[in-house]
Amino acid sequence: IGHAACMQGRSVLFDKTARVLADLGAGHLDGTWERRLRRYLSPDLVI
């Protein structure tokens, strides 16, 4: 479904939930949490 969305010109981001949470968790440690969160908010579709 994500590939079909890419074919239609939409932005997509796929990731394992555990990796997303680890990435956001690291943002709390180095002060980049808001920037990291925006990465998961901007795509048309997040998997």
PDB file of all heavy atoms in Angstrom:
ATOM      1  N   ILE A   1       0.843  -1.196   0.000  1.00  0.00           N
ATOM      2  CA  ILE A   1       0.000   0.000   0.000  1.00  0.00           C
ATOM      3  C   ILE A   1       0.878   1.246   0.000  1.00  0.00           C
ATOM      4  O   ILE A   1       0.600   2.231  -0.679  1.00  0.00           O
ATOM      5  CB  ILE A   1      -0.952  -0.013   1.215  1.00  0.00           C
ATOM      6  CG1 ILE A   1      -1.946  -1.173   1.093  1.00  0.00           C
ATOM      7  CG2 ILE A   1      -1.704   1.315   1.329  1.00  0.00           C
ATOM      8  CD1 ILE A   1      -2.837  -1.362   2.311  1.00  0.00           C
ATOM      9  N   GLY A   2       1.964   1.192   0.774  1.00  0.00           N
ATOM     10  CA  GLY A   2       2.902   2.312   0.778  1.00  0.00           C
ATOM     11  C   GLY A   2       3.518   2.544  -0.589  1.00  0.00           C
ATOM     12  O   GLY A   2       3.681   3.691  -1.029  1.00  0.00           O
ATOM     13  N   HIS A   3       3.861   1.471  -1.287  1.00  0.00           N
ATOM     14  CA  HIS A   3       4.419   1.587  -2.633  1.00  0.00           C
ATOM     15  C   HIS A   3       3.401   2.206  -3.581  1.00  0.00           C
ATOM     16  O   HIS A   3       3.751   3.060  -4.408  1.00  0.00           O
ATOM     17  CB  HIS A   3       4.845   0.205  -3.137  1.00  0.00           C
ATOM     18  CG  HIS A   3       5.595   0.228  -4.429  1.00  0.00           C
ATOM     19  ND1 HIS A   3       4.955   0.265  -5.657  1.00  0.00           N
ATOM     20  CD2 HIS A   3       6.924   0.238  -4.704  1.00  0.00           C
ATOM     21  CE1 HIS A   3       5.857   0.281  -6.619  1.00  0.00           C
ATOM     22  NE2 HIS A   3       7.057   0.271  -6.071  1.00  0.00           N
ATOM     23  N   ALA A   4       2.136   1.785  -3.454  1.00  0.00           N
ATOM     24  CA  ALA A   4       1.075   2.360  -4.288  1.00  0.00           C
ATOM     25  C   ALA A   4       0.938   3.857  -4.025  1.00  0.00           C
ATOM     26  O   ALA A   4       0.702   4.648  -4.947  1.00  0.00           O
ATOM     27  CB  ALA A   4      -0.247   1.648  -4.019  1.00  0.00           C
ATOM     28  N   ALA A   5       1.091   4.253  -2.756  1.00  0.00           N
ATOM     29  CA  ALA A   5       1.022   5.675  -2.411  1.00  0.00           C
ATOM     30  C   ALA A   5       2.171   6.442  -3.052  1.00  0.00           C
ATOM     31  O   ALA A   5       1.992   7.558  -3.552  1.00  0.00           O
ATOM     32  CB  ALA A   5       1.039   5.846  -0.894  1.00  0.00           C
ATOM     33  N   CYS A   6       3.372   5.847  -3.045  1.00  0.00           N
ATOM     34  CA  CYS A   6       4.518   6.481  -3.711  1.00  0.00           C
ATOM     35  C   CYS A   6       4.240   6.655  -5.198  1.00  0.00           C
ATOM     36  O   CYS A   6       4.605   7.683  -5.789  1.00  0.00           O
ATOM     37  CB  CYS A   6       5.778   5.641  -3.509  1.00  0.00           C
ATOM     38  SG  CYS A   6       6.450   5.659  -1.839  1.00  0.00           S
ATOM     39  N   MET A   7       3.620   5.664  -5.805  1.00  0.00           N
ATOM     40  CA  MET A   7       3.293   5.735  -7.231  1.00  0.00           C
ATOM     41  C   MET A   7       2.355   6.899  -7.528  1.00  0.00           C
ATOM     42  O   MET A   7       2.376   7.470  -8.622  1.00  0.00           O
ATOM     43  CB  MET A   7       2.645   4.431  -7.688  1.00  0.00           C
ATOM     44  CG  MET A   7       3.568   3.226  -7.674  1.00  0.00           C
ATOM     45  SD  MET A   7       4.723   3.213  -9.067  1.00  0.00           S
ATOM     46  CE  MET A   7       3.615   2.904 -10.441  1.00  0.00           C
ATOM     47  N   GLN A   8       1.539   7.263  -6.548  1.00  0.00           N
ATOM     48  CA  GLN A   8       0.590   8.369  -6.712  1.00  0.00           C
ATOM     49  C   GLN A   8       1.203   9.718  -6.340  1.00  0.00           C
ATOM     50  O   GLN A   8       0.506  10.729  -6.328  1.00  0.00           O
ATOM     51  CB  GLN A   8      -0.659   8.115  -5.869  1.00  0.00           C
ATOM     52  CG  GLN A   8      -1.490   6.929  -6.327  1.00  0.00           C
ATOM     53  CD  GLN A   8      -2.771   6.774  -5.547  1.00  0.00           C
ATOM     54  OE1 GLN A   8      -3.165   7.671  -4.776  1.00  0.00           O
ATOM     55  NE2 GLN A   8      -3.451   5.659  -5.705  1.00  0.00           N
ATOM     56  N   GLY A   9       2.476   9.724  -6.015  1.00  0.00           N
ATOM     57  CA  GLY A   9       3.141  10.975  -5.699  1.00  0.00           C
ATOM     58  C   GLY A   9       3.078  11.374  -4.241  1.00  0.00           C
ATOM     59  O   GLY A   9       3.408  12.506  -3.890  1.00  0.00           O
ATOM     60  N   ARG A  10       2.692  10.448  -3.370  1.00  0.00           N
ATOM     61  CA  ARG A  10       2.567  10.768  -1.947  1.00  0.00           C
ATOM     62  C   ARG A  10       3.844  10.393  -1.197  1.00  0.00           C
ATOM     63  O   ARG A  10       4.552   9.462  -1.568  1.00  0.00           O
ATOM     64  CB  ARG A  10       1.364  10.029  -1.340  1.00  0.00           C
ATOM     65  CG  ARG A  10       0.045  10.371  -2.028  1.00  0.00           C
ATOM     66  CD  ARG A  10      -1.125   9.689  -1.344  1.00  0.00           C
ATOM     67  NE  ARG A  10      -2.376   9.915  -2.062  1.00  0.00           N
ATOM     68  CZ  ARG A  10      -3.120  10.998  -1.955  1.00  0.00           C
ATOM     69  NH1 ARG A  10      -2.725  11.975  -1.151  1.00  0.00           N
ATOM     70  NH2 ARG A  10      -4.236  11.130  -2.626  1.00  0.00           N
ATOM     71  N   SER A  11       4.101  11.106  -0.125  1.00  0.00           N
ATOM     72  CA  SER A  11       5.272  10.831   0.708  1.00  0.00           C
ATOM     73  C   SER A  11       4.926   9.762   1.735  1.00  0.00           C
ATOM     74  O   SER A  11       3.855   9.784   2.339  1.00  0.00           O
ATOM     75  CB  SER A  11       5.743  12.104   1.406  1.00  0.00           C
ATOM     76  OG  SER A  11       4.686  12.691   2.158  1.00  0.00           O
ATOM     77  N   VAL A  12       5.856   8.823   1.923  1.00  0.00           N
ATOM     78  CA  VAL A  12       5.620   7.664   2.790  1.00  0.00           C
ATOM     79  C   VAL A  12       6.853   7.426   3.654  1.00  0.00           C
ATOM     80  O   VAL A  12       7.988   7.659   3.217  1.00  0.00           O
ATOM     81  CB  VAL A  12       5.320   6.396   1.950  1.00  0.00           C
ATOM     82  CG1 VAL A  12       5.096   5.183   2.853  1.00  0.00           C
ATOM     83  CG2 VAL A  12       4.112   6.619   1.046  1.00  0.00           C
ATOM     84  N   LEU A  13       6.634   6.956   4.871  1.00  0.00           N
ATOM     85  CA  LEU A  13       7.736   6.541   5.739  1.00  0.00           C
ATOM     86  C   LEU A  13       7.347   5.239   6.417  1.00  0.00           C
ATOM     87  O   LEU A  13       6.298   5.145   7.050  1.00  0.00           O
ATOM     88  CB  LEU A  13       8.040   7.604   6.795  1.00  0.00           C
ATOM     89  CG  LEU A  13       9.187   7.266   7.760  1.00  0.00           C
ATOM     90  CD1 LEU A  13      10.502   7.100   6.998  1.00  0.00           C
ATOM     91  CD2 LEU A  13       9.334   8.333   8.830  1.00  0.00           C
ATOM     92  N   PHE A  14       8.197   4.224   6.252  1.00  0.00           N
ATOM     93  CA  PHE A  14       7.981   2.916   6.869  1.00  0.00           C
ATOM     94  C   PHE A  14       9.048   2.684   7.932  1.00  0.00           C
ATOM     95  O   PHE A  14      10.225   2.953   7.708  1.00  0.00           O
ATOM     96  CB  PHE A  14       8.074   1.817   5.801  1.00  0.00           C
ATOM     97  CG  PHE A  14       8.112   0.415   6.358  1.00  0.00           C
ATOM     98  CD1 PHE A  14       6.943  -0.300   6.538  1.00  0.00           C
ATOM     99  CD2 PHE A  14       9.316  -0.184   6.696  1.00  0.00           C
ATOM    100  CE1 PHE A  14       6.974  -1.591   7.047  1.00  0.00           C
ATOM    101  CE2 PHE A  14       9.363  -1.474   7.214  1.00  0.00           C
ATOM    102  CZ  PHE A  14       8.177  -2.181   7.380  1.00  0.00           C
ATOM    103  N   ASP A  15       8.634   2.155   9.097  1.00  0.00           N
ATOM    104  CA  ASP A  15       9.622   1.794  10.109  1.00  0.00           C
ATOM    105  C   ASP A  15       8.986   0.880  11.142  1.00  0.00           C
ATOM    106  O   ASP A  15       7.755   0.843  11.296  1.00  0.00           O
ATOM    107  CB  ASP A  15      10.175   3.037  10.813  1.00  0.00           C
ATOM    108  CG  ASP A  15      11.632   2.861  11.237  1.00  0.00           C
ATOM    109  OD1 ASP A  15      12.085   1.699  11.323  1.00  0.00           O
ATOM    110  OD2 ASP A  15      12.311   3.874  11.474  1.00  0.00           O
ATOM    111  N   LYS A  16       9.834   0.141  11.822  1.00  0.00           N
ATOM    112  CA  LYS A  16       9.383  -0.672  12.939  1.00  0.00           C
ATOM    113  C   LYS A  16       9.024   0.254  14.100  1.00  0.00           C
ATOM    114  O   LYS A  16       9.725   1.234  14.361  1.00  0.00           O
ATOM    115  CB  LYS A  16      10.480  -1.643  13.381  1.00  0.00           C
ATOM    116  CG  LYS A  16      10.943  -2.612  12.304  1.00  0.00           C
ATOM    117  CD  LYS A  16       9.866  -3.601  11.942  1.00  0.00           C
ATOM    118  CE  LYS A  16      10.366  -4.621  10.925  1.00  0.00           C
ATOM    119  NZ  LYS A  16       9.306  -5.560  10.503  1.00  0.00           N
ATOM    120  N   THR A  17       7.955  -0.072  14.797  1.00  0.00           N
ATOM    121  CA  THR A  17       7.520   0.773  15.912  1.00  0.00           C
ATOM    122  C   THR A  17       8.621   0.921  16.951  1.00  0.00           C
ATOM    123  O   THR A  17       8.837   2.014  17.491  1.00  0.00           O
ATOM    124  CB  THR A  17       6.251   0.189  16.561  1.00  0.00           C
ATOM    125  OG1 THR A  17       5.230   0.038  15.565  1.00  0.00           O
ATOM    126  CG2 THR A  17       5.743   1.095  17.662  1.00  0.00           C
ATOM    127  N   ALA A  18       9.331  -0.154  17.229  1.00  0.00           N
ATOM    128  CA  ALA A  18      10.394  -0.106  18.236  1.00  0.00           C
ATOM    129  C   ALA A  18      11.482   0.885  17.828  1.00  0.00           C
ATOM    130  O   ALA A  18      12.031   1.601  18.678  1.00  0.00           O
ATOM    131  CB  ALA A  18      10.989  -1.497  18.438  1.00  0.00           C
ATOM    132  N   ARG A  19      11.811   0.941  16.536  1.00  0.00           N
ATOM    133  CA  ARG A  19      12.854   1.870  16.084  1.00  0.00           C
ATOM    134  C   ARG A  19      12.377   3.314  16.177  1.00  0.00           C
ATOM    135  O   ARG A  19      13.160   4.212  16.500  1.00  0.00           O
ATOM    136  CB  ARG A  19      13.280   1.537  14.656  1.00  0.00           C
ATOM    137  CG  ARG A  19      14.140   0.294  14.538  1.00  0.00           C
ATOM    138  CD  ARG A  19      14.968   0.292  13.266  1.00  0.00           C
ATOM    139  NE  ARG A  19      14.143   0.213  12.079  1.00  0.00           N
ATOM    140  CZ  ARG A  19      13.970  -0.899  11.350  1.00  0.00           C
ATOM    141  NH1 ARG A  19      14.562  -2.025  11.729  1.00  0.00           N
ATOM    142  NH2 ARG A  19      13.226  -0.887  10.273  1.00  0.00           N
ATOM    143  N   VAL A  20      11.101   3.538  15.880  1.00  0.00           N
ATOM    144  CA  VAL A  20      10.550   4.888  16.000  1.00  0.00           C
ATOM    145  C   VAL A  20      10.628   5.355  17.448  1.00  0.00           C
ATOM    146  O   VAL A  20      11.055   6.490  17.734  1.00  0.00           O
ATOM    147  CB  VAL A  20       9.086   4.930  15.505  1.00  0.00           C
ATOM    148  CG1 VAL A  20       8.457   6.289  15.797  1.00  0.00           C
ATOM    149  CG2 VAL A  20       9.022   4.628  14.009  1.00  0.00           C
ATOM    150  N   LEU A  21      10.237   4.503  18.376  1.00  0.00           N
ATOM    151  CA  LEU A  21      10.263   4.872  19.788  1.00  0.00           C
ATOM    152  C   LEU A  21      11.691   5.066  20.288  1.00  0.00           C
ATOM    153  O   LEU A  21      11.955   5.957  21.099  1.00  0.00           O
ATOM    154  CB  LEU A  21       9.551   3.799  20.614  1.00  0.00           C
ATOM    155  CG  LEU A  21       8.038   3.685  20.370  1.00  0.00           C
ATOM    156  CD1 LEU A  21       7.451   2.524  21.156  1.00  0.00           C
ATOM    157  CD2 LEU A  21       7.339   4.988  20.733  1.00  0.00           C
ATOM    158  N   ALA A  22      12.619   4.253  19.791  1.00  0.00           N
ATOM    159  CA  ALA A  22      14.022   4.425  20.175  1.00  0.00           C
ATOM    160  C   ALA A  22      14.561   5.754  19.651  1.00  0.00           C
ATOM    161  O   ALA A  22      15.311   6.450  20.346  1.00  0.00           O
ATOM    162  CB  ALA A  22      14.854   3.261  19.637  1.00  0.00           C
ATOM    163  N   ASP A  23      14.172   6.110  18.441  1.00  0.00           N
ATOM    164  CA  ASP A  23      14.610   7.373  17.853  1.00  0.00           C
ATOM    165  C   ASP A  23      14.069   8.556  18.640  1.00  0.00           C
ATOM    166  O   ASP A  23      14.802   9.498  18.969  1.00  0.00           O
ATOM    167  CB  ASP A  23      14.144   7.440  16.400  1.00  0.00           C
ATOM    168  CG  ASP A  23      14.626   8.692  15.688  1.00  0.00           C
ATOM    169  OD1 ASP A  23      15.806   9.042  15.845  1.00  0.00           O
ATOM    170  OD2 ASP A  23      13.812   9.317  14.983  1.00  0.00           O
ATOM    171  N   LEU A  24      12.777   8.518  18.978  1.00  0.00           N
ATOM    172  CA  LEU A  24      12.190   9.600  19.762  1.00  0.00           C
ATOM    173  C   LEU A  24      12.800   9.644  21.167  1.00  0.00           C
ATOM    174  O   LEU A  24      13.021  10.724  21.718  1.00  0.00           O
ATOM    175  CB  LEU A  24      10.670   9.425  19.845  1.00  0.00           C
ATOM    176  CG  LEU A  24       9.903   9.605  18.527  1.00  0.00           C
ATOM    177  CD1 LEU A  24       8.425   9.271  18.723  1.00  0.00           C
ATOM    178  CD2 LEU A  24      10.060  11.019  18.001  1.00  0.00           C
ATOM    179  N   GLY A  25      13.062   8.474  21.717  1.00  0.00           N
ATOM    180  CA  GLY A  25      13.680   8.425  23.040  1.00  0.00           C
ATOM    181  C   GLY A  25      15.051   9.079  23.049  1.00  0.00           C
ATOM    182  O   GLY A  25      15.404   9.792  23.994  1.00  0.00           O
ATOM    183  N   ALA A  26      15.831   8.866  21.993  1.00  0.00           N
ATOM    184  CA  ALA A  26      17.151   9.496  21.893  1.00  0.00           C
ATOM    185  C   ALA A  26      17.030  11.004  21.801  1.00  0.00           C
ATOM    186  O   ALA A  26      17.898  11.745  22.276  1.00  0.00           O
ATOM    187  CB  ALA A  26      17.897   8.950  20.676  1.00  0.00           C
ATOM    188  N   GLY A  27      15.917  11.467  21.220  1.00  0.00           N
ATOM    189  CA  GLY A  27      15.695  12.908  21.107  1.00  0.00           C
ATOM    190  C   GLY A  27      15.524  13.586  22.441  1.00  0.00           C
ATOM    191  O   GLY A  27      15.874  14.773  22.595  1.00  0.00           O
ATOM    192  N   HIS A  28      14.996  12.858  23.426  1.00  0.00           N
ATOM    193  CA  HIS A  28      14.879  13.431  24.771  1.00  0.00           C
ATOM    194  C   HIS A  28      16.257  13.635  25.397  1.00  0.00           C
ATOM    195  O   HIS A  28      16.445  14.547  26.203  1.00  0.00           O
ATOM    196  CB  HIS A  28      14.042  12.507  25.661  1.00  0.00           C
ATOM    197  CG  HIS A  28      12.590  12.449  25.300  1.00  0.00           C
ATOM    198  ND1 HIS A  28      11.724  13.503  25.509  1.00  0.00           N
ATOM    199  CD2 HIS A  28      11.859  11.468  24.727  1.00  0.00           C
ATOM    200  CE1 HIS A  28      10.508  13.167  25.095  1.00  0.00           C
ATOM    201  NE2 HIS A  28      10.565  11.938  24.619  1.00  0.00           N
ATOM    202  N   LEU A  29      17.195  12.792  25.014  1.00  0.00           N
ATOM    203  CA  LEU A  29      18.528  12.855  25.612  1.00  0.00           C
ATOM    204  C   LEU A  29      19.391  13.962  25.023  1.00  0.00           C
ATOM    205  O   LEU A  29      20.197  14.568  25.733  1.00  0.00           O
ATOM    206  CB  LEU A  29      19.235  11.504  25.442  1.00  0.00           C
ATOM    207  CG  LEU A  29      18.555  10.300  26.104  1.00  0.00           C
ATOM    208  CD1 LEU A  29      19.316   9.021  25.775  1.00  0.00           C
ATOM    209  CD2 LEU A  29      18.459  10.487  27.616  1.00  0.00           C
ATOM    210  N   ASP A  30      19.242  14.221  23.729  1.00  0.00           N
ATOM    211  CA  ASP A  30      20.117  15.218  23.094  1.00  0.00           C
ATOM    212  C   ASP A  30      19.398  16.506  22.694  1.00  0.00           C
ATOM    213  O   ASP A  30      19.953  17.338  21.987  1.00  0.00           O
ATOM    214  CB  ASP A  30      20.820  14.612  21.877  1.00  0.00           C
ATOM    215  CG  ASP A  30      19.855  14.183  20.776  1.00  0.00           C
ATOM    216  OD1 ASP A  30      18.657  14.525  20.850  1.00  0.00           O
ATOM    217  OD2 ASP A  30      20.296  13.499  19.831  1.00  0.00           O
ATOM    218  N   GLY A  31      18.140  16.639  23.142  1.00  0.00           N
ATOM    219  CA  GLY A  31      17.416  17.879  22.882  1.00  0.00           C
ATOM    220  C   GLY A  31      16.878  18.022  21.466  1.00  0.00           C
ATOM    221  O   GLY A  31      16.545  19.132  21.041  1.00  0.00           O
ATOM    222  N   THR A  32      16.771  16.912  20.725  1.00  0.00           N
ATOM    223  CA  THR A  32      16.288  16.982  19.339  1.00  0.00           C
ATOM    224  C   THR A  32      14.918  16.323  19.176  1.00  0.00           C
ATOM    225  O   THR A  32      14.524  15.977  18.070  1.00  0.00           O
ATOM    226  CB  THR A  32      17.279  16.287  18.386  1.00  0.00           C
ATOM    227  OG1 THR A  32      17.393  14.890  18.744  1.00  0.00           O
ATOM    228  CG2 THR A  32      18.645  16.946  18.450  1.00  0.00           C
ATOM    229  N   TRP A  33      14.194  16.149  20.274  1.00  0.00           N
ATOM    230  CA  TRP A  33      12.930  15.407  20.227  1.00  0.00           C
ATOM    231  C   TRP A  33      11.932  16.027  19.259  1.00  0.00           C
ATOM    232  O   TRP A  33      11.315  15.310  18.456  1.00  0.00           O
ATOM    233  CB  TRP A  33      12.314  15.335  21.622  1.00  0.00           C
ATOM    234  CG  TRP A  33      11.039  14.534  21.655  1.00  0.00           C
ATOM    235  CD1 TRP A  33      10.925  13.168  21.736  1.00  0.00           C
ATOM    236  CD2 TRP A  33       9.705  15.039  21.597  1.00  0.00           C
ATOM    237  NE1 TRP A  33       9.609  12.791  21.733  1.00  0.00           N
ATOM    238  CE2 TRP A  33       8.825  13.923  21.646  1.00  0.00           C
ATOM    239  CE3 TRP A  33       9.163  16.314  21.507  1.00  0.00           C
ATOM    240  CZ2 TRP A  33       7.444  14.055  21.608  1.00  0.00           C
ATOM    241  CZ3 TRP A  33       7.779  16.453  21.470  1.00  0.00           C
ATOM    242  CH2 TRP A  33       6.936  15.335  21.521  1.00  0.00           C
ATOM    243  N   GLU A  34      11.751  17.334  19.307  1.00  0.00           N
ATOM    244  CA  GLU A  34      10.768  17.971  18.438  1.00  0.00           C
ATOM    245  C   GLU A  34      11.138  17.820  16.974  1.00  0.00           C
ATOM    246  O   GLU A  34      10.265  17.586  16.128  1.00  0.00           O
ATOM    247  CB  GLU A  34      10.626  19.454  18.804  1.00  0.00           C
ATOM    248  CG  GLU A  34       9.965  19.683  20.158  1.00  0.00           C
ATOM    249  CD  GLU A  34       9.682  21.150  20.409  1.00  0.00           C
ATOM    250  OE1 GLU A  34       9.996  21.982  19.532  1.00  0.00           O
ATOM    251  OE2 GLU A  34       9.153  21.465  21.483  1.00  0.00           O
ATOM    252  N   ARG A  35      12.416  17.948  16.664  1.00  0.00           N
ATOM    253  CA  ARG A  35      12.855  17.773  15.282  1.00  0.00           C
ATOM    254  C   ARG A  35      12.624  16.341  14.817  1.00  0.00           C
ATOM    255  O   ARG A  35      12.165  16.105  13.697  1.00  0.00           O
ATOM    256  CB  ARG A  35      14.335  18.128  15.141  1.00  0.00           C
ATOM    257  CG  ARG A  35      14.897  17.890  13.737  1.00  0.00           C
ATOM    258  CD  ARG A  35      16.338  18.335  13.615  1.00  0.00           C
ATOM    259  NE  ARG A  35      17.230  17.637  14.516  1.00  0.00           N
ATOM    260  CZ  ARG A  35      17.689  16.396  14.282  1.00  0.00           C
ATOM    261  NH1 ARG A  35      17.318  15.744  13.195  1.00  0.00           N
ATOM    262  NH2 ARG A  35      18.508  15.832  15.140  1.00  0.00           N
ATOM    263  N   ARG A  36      12.926  15.387  15.674  1.00  0.00           N
ATOM    264  CA  ARG A  36      12.720  13.983  15.322  1.00  0.00           C
ATOM    265  C   ARG A  36      11.229  13.675  15.158  1.00  0.00           C
ATOM    266  O   ARG A  36      10.848  12.926  14.258  1.00  0.00           O
ATOM    267  CB  ARG A  36      13.325  13.074  16.392  1.00  0.00           C
ATOM    268  CG  ARG A  36      14.853  13.139  16.459  1.00  0.00           C
ATOM    269  CD  ARG A  36      15.381  12.313  17.626  1.00  0.00           C
ATOM    270  NE  ARG A  36      16.794  12.513  17.848  1.00  0.00           N
ATOM    271  CZ  ARG A  36      17.724  11.558  17.730  1.00  0.00           C
ATOM    272  NH1 ARG A  36      17.378  10.344  17.359  1.00  0.00           N
ATOM    273  NH2 ARG A  36      18.997  11.827  17.967  1.00  0.00           N
ATOM    274  N   LEU A  37      10.396  14.254  16.018  1.00  0.00           N
ATOM    275  CA  LEU A  37       8.957  14.023  15.912  1.00  0.00           C
ATOM    276  C   LEU A  37       8.426  14.549  14.581  1.00  0.00           C
ATOM    277  O   LEU A  37       7.585  13.897  13.937  1.00  0.00           O
ATOM    278  CB  LEU A  37       8.227  14.693  17.072  1.00  0.00           C
ATOM    279  CG  LEU A  37       6.694  14.551  17.058  1.00  0.00           C
ATOM    280  CD1 LEU A  37       6.292  13.085  17.210  1.00  0.00           C
ATOM    281  CD2 LEU A  37       6.058  15.404  18.154  1.00  0.00           C
ATOM    282  N   ARG A  38       8.903  15.704  14.162  1.00  0.00           N
ATOM    283  CA  ARG A  38       8.426  16.289  12.899  1.00  0.00           C
ATOM    284  C   ARG A  38       8.695  15.367  11.716  1.00  0.00           C
ATOM    285  O   ARG A  38       7.946  15.363  10.744  1.00  0.00           O
ATOM    286  CB  ARG A  38       9.087  17.653  12.660  1.00  0.00           C
ATOM    287  CG  ARG A  38       8.527  18.760  13.526  1.00  0.00           C
ATOM    288  CD  ARG A  38       8.928  20.127  12.985  1.00  0.00           C
ATOM    289  NE  ARG A  38      10.372  20.331  13.021  1.00  0.00           N
ATOM    290  CZ  ARG A  38      11.028  20.834  14.052  1.00  0.00           C
ATOM    291  NH1 ARG A  38      10.365  21.196  15.147  1.00  0.00           N
ATOM    292  NH2 ARG A  38      12.345  21.013  14.011  1.00  0.00           N
ATOM    293  N   ARG A  39       9.761  14.591  11.815  1.00  0.00           N
ATOM    294  CA  ARG A  39      10.079  13.653  10.734  1.00  0.00           C
ATOM    295  C   ARG A  39       8.957  12.636  10.540  1.00  0.00           C
ATOM    296  O   ARG A  39       8.702  12.181   9.416  1.00  0.00           O
ATOM    297  CB  ARG A  39      11.388  12.928  11.062  1.00  0.00           C
ATOM    298  CG  ARG A  39      11.797  11.877  10.049  1.00  0.00           C
ATOM    299  CD  ARG A  39      13.200  11.365  10.325  1.00  0.00           C
ATOM    300  NE  ARG A  39      13.551  10.286   9.431  1.00  0.00           N
ATOM    301  CZ  ARG A  39      13.378   8.989   9.692  1.00  0.00           C
ATOM    302  NH1 ARG A  39      12.859   8.636  10.864  1.00  0.00           N
ATOM    303  NH2 ARG A  39      13.709   8.065   8.826  1.00  0.00           N
ATOM    304  N   TYR A  40       8.280  12.274  11.623  1.00  0.00           N
ATOM    305  CA  TYR A  40       7.194  11.298  11.547  1.00  0.00           C
ATOM    306  C   TYR A  40       5.829  11.952  11.326  1.00  0.00           C
ATOM    307  O   TYR A  40       4.840  11.253  11.112  1.00  0.00           O
ATOM    308  CB  TYR A  40       7.155  10.451  12.823  1.00  0.00           C
ATOM    309  CG  TYR A  40       8.442   9.711  13.067  1.00  0.00           C
ATOM    310  CD1 TYR A  40       9.330  10.136  14.060  1.00  0.00           C
ATOM    311  CD2 TYR A  40       8.796   8.617  12.292  1.00  0.00           C
ATOM    312  CE1 TYR A  40      10.531   9.472  14.277  1.00  0.00           C
ATOM    313  CE2 TYR A  40      10.001   7.953  12.500  1.00  0.00           C
ATOM    314  CZ  TYR A  40      10.862   8.383  13.494  1.00  0.00           C
ATOM    315  OH  TYR A  40      12.063   7.727  13.698  1.00  0.00           O
ATOM    316  N   LEU A  41       5.791  13.261  11.371  1.00  0.00           N
ATOM    317  CA  LEU A  41       4.528  13.969  11.173  1.00  0.00           C
ATOM    318  C   LEU A  41       4.366  14.480   9.747  1.00  0.00           C
ATOM    319  O   LEU A  41       3.241  14.679   9.283  1.00  0.00           O
ATOM    320  CB  LEU A  41       4.425  15.156  12.143  1.00  0.00           C
ATOM    321  CG  LEU A  41       4.442  14.822  13.630  1.00  0.00           C
ATOM    322  CD1 LEU A  41       4.305  16.107  14.453  1.00  0.00           C
ATOM    323  CD2 LEU A  41       3.339  13.835  13.992  1.00  0.00           C
ATOM    324  N   SER A  42       5.460  14.687   9.038  1.00  0.00           N
ATOM    325  CA  SER A  42       5.376  15.320   7.725  1.00  0.00           C
ATOM    326  C   SER A  42       4.889  14.420   6.591  1.00  0.00           C
ATOM    327  O   SER A  42       4.221  14.909   5.677  1.00  0.00           O
ATOM    328  CB  SER A  42       6.727  15.934   7.354  1.00  0.00           C
ATOM    329  OG  SER A  42       7.741  14.942   7.349  1.00  0.00           O
ATOM    330  N   PRO A  43       5.178  13.094   6.570  1.00  0.00           N
ATOM    331  CA  PRO A  43       4.739  12.283   5.427  1.00  0.00           C
ATOM    332  C   PRO A  43       3.217  12.168   5.337  1.00  0.00           C
ATOM    333  O   PRO A  43       2.501  12.253   6.343  1.00  0.00           O
ATOM    334  CB  PRO A  43       5.373  10.912   5.691  1.00  0.00           C
ATOM    335  CG  PRO A  43       6.496  11.177   6.632  1.00  0.00           C
ATOM    336  CD  PRO A  43       6.024  12.306   7.489  1.00  0.00           C
ATOM    337  N   ASP A  44       2.740  11.945   4.114  1.00  0.00           N
ATOM    338  CA  ASP A  44       1.307  11.701   3.920  1.00  0.00           C
ATOM    339  C   ASP A  44       0.881  10.398   4.580  1.00  0.00           C
ATOM    340  O   ASP A  44      -0.237  10.273   5.068  1.00  0.00           O
ATOM    341  CB  ASP A  44       0.982  11.636   2.419  1.00  0.00           C
ATOM    342  CG  ASP A  44       1.305  12.926   1.699  1.00  0.00           C
ATOM    343  OD1 ASP A  44       0.990  14.003   2.250  1.00  0.00           O
ATOM    344  OD2 ASP A  44       1.875  12.877   0.592  1.00  0.00           O
ATOM    345  N   LEU A  45       1.796   9.422   4.581  1.00  0.00           N
ATOM    346  CA  LEU A  45       1.506   8.112   5.171  1.00  0.00           C
ATOM    347  C   LEU A  45       2.704   7.629   5.969  1.00  0.00           C
ATOM    348  O   LEU A  45       3.824   7.614   5.461  1.00  0.00           O
ATOM    349  CB  LEU A  45       1.179   7.092   4.063  1.00  0.00           C
ATOM    350  CG  LEU A  45       1.011   5.630   4.506  1.00  0.00           C
ATOM    351  CD1 LEU A  45      -0.201   5.473   5.424  1.00  0.00           C
ATOM    352  CD2 LEU A  45       0.891   4.710   3.296  1.00  0.00           C
ATOM    353  N   VAL A  46       2.456   7.235   7.211  1.00  0.00           N
ATOM    354  CA  VAL A  46       3.481   6.615   8.049  1.00  0.00           C
ATOM    355  C   VAL A  46       3.027   5.189   8.358  1.00  0.00           C
ATOM    356  O   VAL A  46       1.870   4.964   8.721  1.00  0.00           O
ATOM    357  CB  VAL A  46       3.703   7.394   9.358  1.00  0.00           C
ATOM    358  CG1 VAL A  46       4.512   6.563  10.355  1.00  0.00           C
ATOM    359  CG2 VAL A  46       4.423   8.700   9.067  1.00  0.00           C
ATOM    360  N   ILE A  47       3.932   4.228   8.194  1.00  0.00           N
ATOM    361  CA  ILE A  47       3.628   2.822   8.473  1.00  0.00           C
ATOM    362  C   ILE A  47       4.409   2.397   9.704  1.00  0.00           C
ATOM    363  O   ILE A  47       5.649   2.408   9.701  1.00  0.00           O
ATOM    364  CB  ILE A  47       3.998   1.922   7.278  1.00  0.00           C
ATOM    365  CG1 ILE A  47       3.247   2.373   6.028  1.00  0.00           C
ATOM    366  CG2 ILE A  47       3.685   0.461   7.595  1.00  0.00           C
ATOM    367  CD1 ILE A  47       3.676   1.669   4.748  1.00  0.00           C
TER     368      ILE A  47
END
